[in-house]
Amino acid sequence: MAEIPSSKSKAIPEQLLQIAKEQEGGAERVLGQIEVVESSFQEIQALIRECQELLRDLVPPSPEKDALVEKMEAISVHVENGVYNVSGVFDLFQYQDIIRQKLEKVGHRLIDVSHFVLANLQPAATEEAHMAPAGRDILAREAQVADKAKEAADAVVAEFFAKLRPPKPPA
């Protein structure tokens, strides 16, 4: 059985960004098709108007003519509904694009936070992340006291958010 690459191998922020990019590509293709549909509806509307004018001018009054004009008016109503619904789809895609942009923003923020936390809690970790593990440091490691690690992590996170906030104007 072929092994499927695990999404767990990628960090969550990278997964969010990948999902956002996939959404954008799919949305662009769908929007292209919707524009074609909208254009077709508009062409049908124009053709119906032309046919109605021809019927009124060329054919003498008759019940058949009136029935045909009625059917064309019904077709026109359906086409107008189609155009209206297509414009609603455009609105939905604009909303979807806003959600995609939010996903990208969250992904970028998570990446910024993770880099900041790594750089401040474990400055050597960013350098060691690109090095192959040697395994020699296992015996030299010291256990951390949980409370001290939590305090250090809280301080780093607080410092990060303090840097994000704009400075307060002087009173």
N, C-alpha and C. Protein backbone atom coordinates (compact mmCIF):
# COMPACT_ATOMS: atom_id res chain seq x y z
N MET A 1 0.85 -1.18 0.00
CA MET A 1 0.00 0.00 0.00
C MET A 1 0.89 1.24 0.00
N ALA A 2 0.62 2.16 -0.88
CA ALA A 2 1.42 3.38 -0.97
C ALA A 2 1.14 4.27 0.23
N GLU A 3 2.23 4.87 0.74
CA GLU A 3 2.09 5.71 1.92
C GLU A 3 1.70 7.12 1.50
N ILE A 4 0.71 7.66 2.17
CA ILE A 4 0.25 9.02 1.89
C ILE A 4 1.05 9.96 2.78
N PRO A 5 1.64 11.04 2.22
CA PRO A 5 2.39 11.96 3.05
C PRO A 5 1.49 12.56 4.13
N SER A 6 1.98 12.54 5.33
CA SER A 6 1.20 13.03 6.47
C SER A 6 1.21 14.54 6.52
N SER A 7 0.02 15.12 6.78
CA SER A 7 -0.04 16.57 6.94
C SER A 7 0.55 16.97 8.28
N LYS A 8 0.78 15.98 9.17
CA LYS A 8 1.38 16.28 10.47
C LYS A 8 2.85 16.63 10.32
N SER A 9 3.45 16.27 9.17
CA SER A 9 4.86 16.58 8.97
C SER A 9 5.06 18.07 8.75
N LYS A 10 4.01 18.81 8.39
CA LYS A 10 4.10 20.25 8.22
C LYS A 10 3.55 20.94 9.46
N ALA A 11 4.11 22.10 9.75
CA ALA A 11 3.61 22.88 10.88
C ALA A 11 2.22 23.42 10.55
N ILE A 12 1.43 23.64 11.58
CA ILE A 12 0.06 24.12 11.40
C ILE A 12 0.01 25.44 10.63
N PRO A 13 0.88 26.42 10.93
CA PRO A 13 0.80 27.66 10.14
C PRO A 13 1.04 27.42 8.65
N GLU A 14 1.97 26.53 8.33
CA GLU A 14 2.24 26.23 6.93
C GLU A 14 1.03 25.55 6.29
N GLN A 15 0.34 24.70 7.06
CA GLN A 15 -0.86 24.05 6.54
C GLN A 15 -1.95 25.07 6.26
N LEU A 16 -2.10 26.06 7.16
CA LEU A 16 -3.09 27.12 6.95
C LEU A 16 -2.80 27.90 5.68
N LEU A 17 -1.53 28.23 5.48
CA LEU A 17 -1.16 28.99 4.28
C LEU A 17 -1.38 28.16 3.02
N GLN A 18 -1.09 26.87 3.10
CA GLN A 18 -1.31 26.00 1.94
C GLN A 18 -2.80 25.91 1.61
N ILE A 19 -3.63 25.77 2.63
CA ILE A 19 -5.08 25.73 2.42
C ILE A 19 -5.56 27.03 1.79
N ALA A 20 -5.07 28.15 2.28
CA ALA A 20 -5.48 29.45 1.74
C ALA A 20 -5.08 29.57 0.27
N LYS A 21 -3.88 29.11 -0.08
CA LYS A 21 -3.43 29.19 -1.48
C LYS A 21 -4.26 28.27 -2.37
N GLU A 22 -4.60 27.08 -1.86
CA GLU A 22 -5.43 26.16 -2.64
C GLU A 22 -6.81 26.76 -2.86
N GLN A 23 -7.36 27.40 -1.83
CA GLN A 23 -8.66 28.05 -1.95
C GLN A 23 -8.64 29.14 -3.01
N GLU A 24 -7.55 29.91 -3.02
CA GLU A 24 -7.46 31.02 -3.97
C GLU A 24 -7.43 30.47 -5.40
N GLY A 25 -6.65 29.42 -5.65
CA GLY A 25 -6.58 28.85 -7.00
C GLY A 25 -7.92 28.29 -7.44
N GLY A 26 -8.61 27.56 -6.56
CA GLY A 26 -9.92 27.01 -6.90
C GLY A 26 -10.93 28.10 -7.13
N ALA A 27 -10.89 29.13 -6.32
CA ALA A 27 -11.84 30.24 -6.46
C ALA A 27 -11.65 30.96 -7.79
N GLU A 28 -10.41 31.13 -8.21
CA GLU A 28 -10.16 31.81 -9.48
C GLU A 28 -10.75 31.01 -10.65
N ARG A 29 -10.60 29.69 -10.61
CA ARG A 29 -11.15 28.86 -11.68
C ARG A 29 -12.68 28.92 -11.69
N VAL A 30 -13.29 28.85 -10.52
CA VAL A 30 -14.75 28.89 -10.44
C VAL A 30 -15.25 30.26 -10.91
N LEU A 31 -14.59 31.33 -10.50
CA LEU A 31 -15.02 32.66 -10.92
C LEU A 31 -14.93 32.81 -12.44
N GLY A 32 -13.92 32.23 -13.04
CA GLY A 32 -13.81 32.27 -14.50
C GLY A 32 -15.00 31.60 -15.16
N GLN A 33 -15.41 30.46 -14.64
CA GLN A 33 -16.57 29.76 -15.19
C GLN A 33 -17.86 30.54 -14.96
N ILE A 34 -17.97 31.16 -13.80
CA ILE A 34 -19.19 31.94 -13.50
C ILE A 34 -19.29 33.15 -14.43
N GLU A 35 -18.16 33.77 -14.76
CA GLU A 35 -18.18 34.89 -15.69
C GLU A 35 -18.68 34.44 -17.06
N VAL A 36 -18.30 33.24 -17.47
CA VAL A 36 -18.78 32.70 -18.75
C VAL A 36 -20.30 32.51 -18.69
N VAL A 37 -20.81 31.97 -17.58
CA VAL A 37 -22.25 31.77 -17.41
C VAL A 37 -22.98 33.11 -17.45
N GLU A 38 -22.44 34.09 -16.73
CA GLU A 38 -23.07 35.41 -16.71
C GLU A 38 -23.12 36.02 -18.12
N SER A 39 -22.04 35.87 -18.86
CA SER A 39 -22.00 36.38 -20.23
C SER A 39 -23.05 35.68 -21.10
N SER A 40 -23.20 34.37 -20.92
CA SER A 40 -24.21 33.63 -21.68
C SER A 40 -25.61 34.12 -21.36
N PHE A 41 -25.89 34.35 -20.08
CA PHE A 41 -27.21 34.88 -19.69
C PHE A 41 -27.46 36.23 -20.35
N GLN A 42 -26.47 37.09 -20.37
CA GLN A 42 -26.64 38.40 -20.97
C GLN A 42 -26.89 38.30 -22.48
N GLU A 43 -26.20 37.36 -23.14
CA GLU A 43 -26.43 37.15 -24.57
C GLU A 43 -27.85 36.63 -24.82
N ILE A 44 -28.31 35.73 -23.97
CA ILE A 44 -29.67 35.19 -24.12
C ILE A 44 -30.69 36.31 -23.96
N GLN A 45 -30.47 37.19 -22.97
CA GLN A 45 -31.38 38.32 -22.78
C GLN A 45 -31.45 39.19 -24.03
N ALA A 46 -30.31 39.48 -24.62
CA ALA A 46 -30.28 40.32 -25.82
C ALA A 46 -31.00 39.63 -26.97
N LEU A 47 -30.78 38.33 -27.14
CA LEU A 47 -31.44 37.59 -28.22
C LEU A 47 -32.95 37.54 -28.02
N ILE A 48 -33.41 37.39 -26.80
CA ILE A 48 -34.86 37.36 -26.51
C ILE A 48 -35.49 38.70 -26.89
N ARG A 49 -34.82 39.80 -26.51
CA ARG A 49 -35.36 41.12 -26.85
C ARG A 49 -35.47 41.29 -28.37
N GLU A 50 -34.44 40.87 -29.08
CA GLU A 50 -34.46 40.98 -30.55
C GLU A 50 -35.60 40.15 -31.14
N CYS A 51 -35.78 38.92 -30.66
CA CYS A 51 -36.85 38.06 -31.16
C CYS A 51 -38.23 38.65 -30.87
N GLN A 52 -38.40 39.21 -29.67
CA GLN A 52 -39.69 39.82 -29.33
C GLN A 52 -39.99 41.00 -30.26
N GLU A 53 -39.00 41.81 -30.57
CA GLU A 53 -39.21 42.95 -31.48
C GLU A 53 -39.56 42.46 -32.89
N LEU A 54 -38.86 41.43 -33.36
CA LEU A 54 -39.16 40.87 -34.68
C LEU A 54 -40.59 40.33 -34.74
N LEU A 55 -41.00 39.63 -33.70
CA LEU A 55 -42.35 39.07 -33.67
C LEU A 55 -43.41 40.17 -33.70
N ARG A 56 -43.20 41.20 -32.94
CA ARG A 56 -44.18 42.28 -32.88
C ARG A 56 -44.32 42.98 -34.24
N ASP A 57 -43.20 43.11 -34.96
CA ASP A 57 -43.21 43.84 -36.22
C ASP A 57 -43.62 43.00 -37.42
N LEU A 58 -43.28 41.72 -37.44
CA LEU A 58 -43.47 40.92 -38.65
C LEU A 58 -44.74 40.09 -38.69
N VAL A 59 -45.12 39.55 -37.61
CA VAL A 59 -46.22 38.59 -37.62
C VAL A 59 -47.53 39.31 -37.30
N PRO A 60 -48.61 39.01 -38.06
CA PRO A 60 -49.91 39.62 -37.73
C PRO A 60 -50.42 39.06 -36.40
N PRO A 61 -51.25 39.82 -35.71
CA PRO A 61 -51.77 39.35 -34.41
C PRO A 61 -52.46 37.99 -34.53
N SER A 62 -52.17 37.13 -33.56
CA SER A 62 -52.81 35.81 -33.51
C SER A 62 -52.59 35.22 -32.12
N PRO A 63 -53.40 34.23 -31.76
CA PRO A 63 -53.21 33.60 -30.45
C PRO A 63 -51.84 32.90 -30.35
N GLU A 64 -51.35 32.36 -31.46
CA GLU A 64 -50.05 31.69 -31.46
C GLU A 64 -48.93 32.70 -31.19
N LYS A 65 -49.05 33.85 -31.84
CA LYS A 65 -48.04 34.91 -31.63
C LYS A 65 -48.03 35.34 -30.17
N ASP A 66 -49.22 35.55 -29.59
CA ASP A 66 -49.31 35.96 -28.19
C ASP A 66 -48.73 34.90 -27.27
N ALA A 67 -48.98 33.63 -27.57
CA ALA A 67 -48.44 32.54 -26.75
C ALA A 67 -46.92 32.51 -26.84
N LEU A 68 -46.39 32.74 -28.04
CA LEU A 68 -44.94 32.74 -28.23
C LEU A 68 -44.29 33.91 -27.49
N VAL A 69 -44.92 35.08 -27.55
CA VAL A 69 -44.40 36.25 -26.82
C VAL A 69 -44.41 35.98 -25.33
N GLU A 70 -45.47 35.35 -24.82
CA GLU A 70 -45.56 35.01 -23.39
C GLU A 70 -44.44 34.07 -22.98
N LYS A 71 -44.21 33.05 -23.81
CA LYS A 71 -43.14 32.09 -23.49
C LYS A 71 -41.77 32.77 -23.49
N MET A 72 -41.56 33.69 -24.42
CA MET A 72 -40.29 34.41 -24.46
C MET A 72 -40.13 35.31 -23.22
N GLU A 73 -41.24 35.89 -22.77
CA GLU A 73 -41.19 36.70 -21.55
C GLU A 73 -40.87 35.83 -20.34
N ALA A 74 -41.42 34.60 -20.31
CA ALA A 74 -41.12 33.67 -19.22
C ALA A 74 -39.64 33.28 -19.25
N ILE A 75 -39.12 33.04 -20.44
CA ILE A 75 -37.69 32.73 -20.57
C ILE A 75 -36.86 33.91 -20.08
N SER A 76 -37.28 35.11 -20.43
CA SER A 76 -36.57 36.31 -20.00
C SER A 76 -36.54 36.43 -18.47
N VAL A 77 -37.66 36.10 -17.82
CA VAL A 77 -37.71 36.14 -16.36
C VAL A 77 -36.72 35.14 -15.77
N HIS A 78 -36.66 33.94 -16.34
CA HIS A 78 -35.71 32.93 -15.84
C HIS A 78 -34.27 33.38 -16.04
N VAL A 79 -34.00 34.01 -17.17
CA VAL A 79 -32.65 34.50 -17.42
C VAL A 79 -32.30 35.61 -16.43
N GLU A 80 -33.25 36.50 -16.15
CA GLU A 80 -33.00 37.56 -15.16
C GLU A 80 -32.71 36.96 -13.78
N ASN A 81 -33.45 35.90 -13.41
CA ASN A 81 -33.19 35.22 -12.15
C ASN A 81 -31.78 34.62 -12.15
N GLY A 82 -31.40 34.05 -13.28
CA GLY A 82 -30.05 33.49 -13.40
C GLY A 82 -28.98 34.54 -13.22
N VAL A 83 -29.16 35.70 -13.86
CA VAL A 83 -28.19 36.79 -13.72
C VAL A 83 -28.14 37.26 -12.27
N TYR A 84 -29.28 37.37 -11.63
CA TYR A 84 -29.33 37.77 -10.22
C TYR A 84 -28.58 36.77 -9.34
N ASN A 85 -28.81 35.48 -9.58
CA ASN A 85 -28.14 34.46 -8.78
C ASN A 85 -26.64 34.43 -9.04
N VAL A 86 -26.22 34.70 -10.26
CA VAL A 86 -24.79 34.76 -10.56
C VAL A 86 -24.15 35.91 -9.79
N SER A 87 -24.84 37.05 -9.72
CA SER A 87 -24.27 38.16 -8.95
C SER A 87 -24.21 37.81 -7.47
N GLY A 88 -25.16 37.00 -6.99
CA GLY A 88 -25.09 36.51 -5.60
C GLY A 88 -23.89 35.60 -5.38
N VAL A 89 -23.56 34.80 -6.39
CA VAL A 89 -22.38 33.93 -6.28
C VAL A 89 -21.12 34.78 -6.20
N PHE A 90 -21.06 35.86 -6.97
CA PHE A 90 -19.91 36.75 -6.88
C PHE A 90 -19.77 37.31 -5.47
N ASP A 91 -20.89 37.67 -4.85
CA ASP A 91 -20.85 38.17 -3.47
C ASP A 91 -20.31 37.10 -2.52
N LEU A 92 -20.77 35.86 -2.71
CA LEU A 92 -20.29 34.76 -1.86
C LEU A 92 -18.79 34.53 -2.05
N PHE A 93 -18.31 34.67 -3.26
CA PHE A 93 -16.88 34.48 -3.49
C PHE A 93 -16.06 35.62 -2.90
N GLN A 94 -16.61 36.81 -2.88
CA GLN A 94 -15.91 37.90 -2.21
C GLN A 94 -15.79 37.60 -0.72
N TYR A 95 -16.85 37.08 -0.13
CA TYR A 95 -16.81 36.69 1.28
C TYR A 95 -15.78 35.58 1.49
N GLN A 96 -15.78 34.58 0.60
CA GLN A 96 -14.82 33.48 0.69
C GLN A 96 -13.40 34.01 0.59
N ASP A 97 -13.17 35.02 -0.25
CA ASP A 97 -11.83 35.58 -0.40
C ASP A 97 -11.40 36.28 0.88
N ILE A 98 -12.34 36.93 1.55
CA ILE A 98 -12.02 37.56 2.84
C ILE A 98 -11.60 36.49 3.85
N ILE A 99 -12.31 35.37 3.88
CA ILE A 99 -11.96 34.27 4.80
C ILE A 99 -10.57 33.73 4.45
N ARG A 100 -10.28 33.59 3.17
CA ARG A 100 -8.96 33.11 2.75
C ARG A 100 -7.87 34.06 3.22
N GLN A 101 -8.10 35.36 3.07
CA GLN A 101 -7.13 36.34 3.52
C GLN A 101 -6.92 36.27 5.03
N LYS A 102 -7.99 36.02 5.77
CA LYS A 102 -7.87 35.87 7.22
C LYS A 102 -7.03 34.64 7.56
N LEU A 103 -7.24 33.54 6.83
CA LEU A 103 -6.43 32.33 7.05
C LEU A 103 -4.95 32.62 6.81
N GLU A 104 -4.67 33.34 5.74
CA GLU A 104 -3.28 33.69 5.46
C GLU A 104 -2.69 34.55 6.58
N LYS A 105 -3.47 35.50 7.05
CA LYS A 105 -2.99 36.39 8.10
C LYS A 105 -2.70 35.61 9.38
N VAL A 106 -3.62 34.69 9.75
CA VAL A 106 -3.42 33.86 10.94
C VAL A 106 -2.17 33.00 10.76
N GLY A 107 -2.02 32.41 9.59
CA GLY A 107 -0.84 31.59 9.32
C GLY A 107 0.44 32.38 9.47
N HIS A 108 0.48 33.59 8.91
CA HIS A 108 1.68 34.42 9.02
C HIS A 108 1.94 34.82 10.47
N ARG A 109 0.88 35.15 11.20
CA ARG A 109 1.04 35.52 12.61
C ARG A 109 1.58 34.34 13.43
N LEU A 110 1.04 33.15 13.17
CA LEU A 110 1.52 31.97 13.89
C LEU A 110 2.99 31.71 13.59
N ILE A 111 3.38 31.90 12.36
CA ILE A 111 4.79 31.72 12.00
C ILE A 111 5.64 32.76 12.73
N ASP A 112 5.19 34.02 12.75
CA ASP A 112 5.93 35.07 13.46
C ASP A 112 6.07 34.73 14.94
N VAL A 113 4.96 34.30 15.56
CA VAL A 113 4.99 33.96 16.99
C VAL A 113 5.94 32.79 17.23
N SER A 114 5.87 31.76 16.40
CA SER A 114 6.73 30.60 16.63
C SER A 114 8.20 30.96 16.46
N HIS A 115 8.52 31.80 15.47
CA HIS A 115 9.92 32.23 15.31
C HIS A 115 10.37 33.06 16.51
N PHE A 116 9.50 33.94 16.97
CA PHE A 116 9.84 34.80 18.10
C PHE A 116 10.05 33.96 19.36
N VAL A 117 9.14 33.02 19.61
CA VAL A 117 9.25 32.17 20.80
C VAL A 117 10.50 31.31 20.72
N LEU A 118 10.75 30.72 19.58
CA LEU A 118 11.96 29.90 19.43
C LEU A 118 13.23 30.71 19.62
N ALA A 119 13.25 31.89 19.05
CA ALA A 119 14.45 32.73 19.16
C ALA A 119 14.70 33.19 20.58
N ASN A 120 13.63 33.38 21.37
CA ASN A 120 13.82 33.89 22.73
C ASN A 120 13.89 32.81 23.80
N LEU A 121 13.22 31.70 23.60
CA LEU A 121 13.30 30.61 24.59
C LEU A 121 14.50 29.72 24.34
N GLN A 122 14.76 29.46 23.09
CA GLN A 122 15.86 28.57 22.74
C GLN A 122 16.64 29.19 21.59
N PRO A 123 17.49 30.18 21.87
CA PRO A 123 18.20 30.85 20.78
C PRO A 123 19.01 29.88 19.92
N ALA A 124 19.56 28.85 20.51
CA ALA A 124 20.37 27.90 19.75
C ALA A 124 19.49 26.98 18.90
N ALA A 125 18.21 26.85 19.25
CA ALA A 125 17.32 25.93 18.54
C ALA A 125 17.15 26.32 17.08
N THR A 126 17.16 27.63 16.80
CA THR A 126 16.99 28.05 15.41
C THR A 126 18.20 27.66 14.59
N GLU A 127 19.40 27.68 15.21
CA GLU A 127 20.60 27.25 14.50
C GLU A 127 20.64 25.74 14.38
N GLU A 128 20.25 25.04 15.45
CA GLU A 128 20.32 23.59 15.47
C GLU A 128 19.23 22.95 14.61
N ALA A 129 18.20 23.69 14.28
CA ALA A 129 17.11 23.13 13.49
C ALA A 129 17.59 22.69 12.11
N HIS A 130 18.65 23.33 11.62
CA HIS A 130 19.15 23.00 10.29
C HIS A 130 20.33 22.02 10.34
N MET A 131 20.72 21.59 11.55
CA MET A 131 21.84 20.67 11.71
C MET A 131 21.32 19.26 12.00
N ALA A 132 22.07 18.28 11.57
CA ALA A 132 21.71 16.89 11.86
C ALA A 132 21.97 16.62 13.34
N PRO A 133 21.06 15.89 14.05
CA PRO A 133 21.27 15.63 15.46
C PRO A 133 22.44 14.66 15.66
N ALA A 134 23.29 15.00 16.61
CA ALA A 134 24.46 14.16 16.87
C ALA A 134 24.16 13.15 17.96
N GLY A 135 23.28 13.48 18.88
CA GLY A 135 22.95 12.57 19.96
C GLY A 135 23.93 12.63 21.11
N ARG A 136 25.02 13.43 20.98
CA ARG A 136 26.03 13.51 22.05
C ARG A 136 25.55 14.33 23.23
N ASP A 137 24.57 15.19 23.02
CA ASP A 137 24.14 16.08 24.09
C ASP A 137 23.10 15.47 25.01
N ILE A 138 22.71 14.23 24.79
CA ILE A 138 21.66 13.61 25.59
C ILE A 138 22.06 13.53 27.06
N LEU A 139 23.29 13.10 27.35
CA LEU A 139 23.72 12.95 28.74
C LEU A 139 23.99 14.30 29.40
N ALA A 140 24.29 15.34 28.60
CA ALA A 140 24.62 16.65 29.16
C ALA A 140 23.39 17.49 29.45
N ARG A 141 22.24 17.06 29.02
CA ARG A 141 21.02 17.86 29.22
C ARG A 141 20.64 17.89 30.69
N GLU A 142 20.11 19.07 31.08
CA GLU A 142 19.62 19.21 32.44
C GLU A 142 18.10 19.33 32.39
N ALA A 143 17.46 18.74 33.37
CA ALA A 143 16.00 18.82 33.43
C ALA A 143 15.60 20.23 33.84
N GLN A 144 14.52 20.72 33.24
CA GLN A 144 14.01 22.04 33.61
C GLN A 144 12.89 21.89 34.61
N VAL A 145 12.82 22.84 35.51
CA VAL A 145 11.71 22.87 36.44
C VAL A 145 10.52 23.43 35.67
N ALA A 146 9.39 22.76 35.74
CA ALA A 146 8.22 23.13 34.94
C ALA A 146 7.79 24.57 35.19
N ASP A 147 7.78 25.00 36.45
CA ASP A 147 7.33 26.35 36.76
C ASP A 147 8.23 27.41 36.13
N LYS A 148 9.53 27.18 36.12
CA LYS A 148 10.46 28.16 35.53
C LYS A 148 10.25 28.22 34.02
N ALA A 149 10.04 27.09 33.39
CA ALA A 149 9.82 27.08 31.94
C ALA A 149 8.53 27.83 31.59
N LYS A 150 7.47 27.63 32.40
CA LYS A 150 6.21 28.32 32.13
C LYS A 150 6.37 29.82 32.30
N GLU A 151 7.06 30.26 33.34
CA GLU A 151 7.27 31.70 33.55
C GLU A 151 8.06 32.30 32.39
N ALA A 152 9.06 31.59 31.92
CA ALA A 152 9.86 32.09 30.81
C ALA A 152 9.01 32.18 29.54
N ALA A 153 8.19 31.17 29.31
CA ALA A 153 7.34 31.18 28.12
C ALA A 153 6.32 32.31 28.20
N ASP A 154 5.71 32.50 29.37
CA ASP A 154 4.74 33.59 29.53
C ASP A 154 5.40 34.95 29.30
N ALA A 155 6.62 35.11 29.78
CA ALA A 155 7.32 36.37 29.61
C ALA A 155 7.61 36.63 28.13
N VAL A 156 8.01 35.60 27.41
CA VAL A 156 8.33 35.76 25.98
C VAL A 156 7.06 36.12 25.21
N VAL A 157 5.96 35.44 25.50
CA VAL A 157 4.70 35.72 24.79
C VAL A 157 4.24 37.15 25.11
N ALA A 158 4.33 37.55 26.38
CA ALA A 158 3.94 38.91 26.76
C ALA A 158 4.81 39.94 26.04
N GLU A 159 6.10 39.67 25.94
CA GLU A 159 7.00 40.59 25.25
C GLU A 159 6.64 40.70 23.77
N PHE A 160 6.29 39.56 23.16
CA PHE A 160 5.92 39.57 21.74
C PHE A 160 4.69 40.44 21.51
N PHE A 161 3.66 40.25 22.35
CA PHE A 161 2.43 41.02 22.15
C PHE A 161 2.65 42.49 22.50
N ALA A 162 3.54 42.78 23.42
CA ALA A 162 3.84 44.18 23.75
C ALA A 162 4.47 44.87 22.56
N LYS A 163 5.29 44.14 21.79
CA LYS A 163 5.91 44.74 20.61
C LYS A 163 4.90 44.93 19.48
N LEU A 164 3.83 44.13 19.46
CA LEU A 164 2.82 44.27 18.41
C LEU A 164 1.93 45.48 18.63
N ARG A 165 1.69 45.81 19.88
CA ARG A 165 0.79 46.94 20.19
C ARG A 165 1.48 48.26 19.85
N PRO A 166 0.73 49.19 19.27
CA PRO A 166 1.33 50.50 18.98
C PRO A 166 1.59 51.25 20.29
N PRO A 167 2.65 52.05 20.34
CA PRO A 167 2.94 52.80 21.58
C PRO A 167 1.80 53.78 21.88
N LYS A 168 1.55 53.94 23.18
CA LYS A 168 0.49 54.87 23.61
C LYS A 168 0.97 56.30 23.43
N PRO A 169 0.09 57.17 22.93
CA PRO A 169 0.48 58.59 22.78
C PRO A 169 0.68 59.24 24.14
N PRO A 170 1.61 60.20 24.24
CA PRO A 170 1.83 60.85 25.54
C PRO A 170 0.58 61.60 25.98
N ALA A 171 0.33 61.53 27.28
CA ALA A 171 -0.89 62.15 27.82
C ALA A 171 -0.71 63.63 28.06
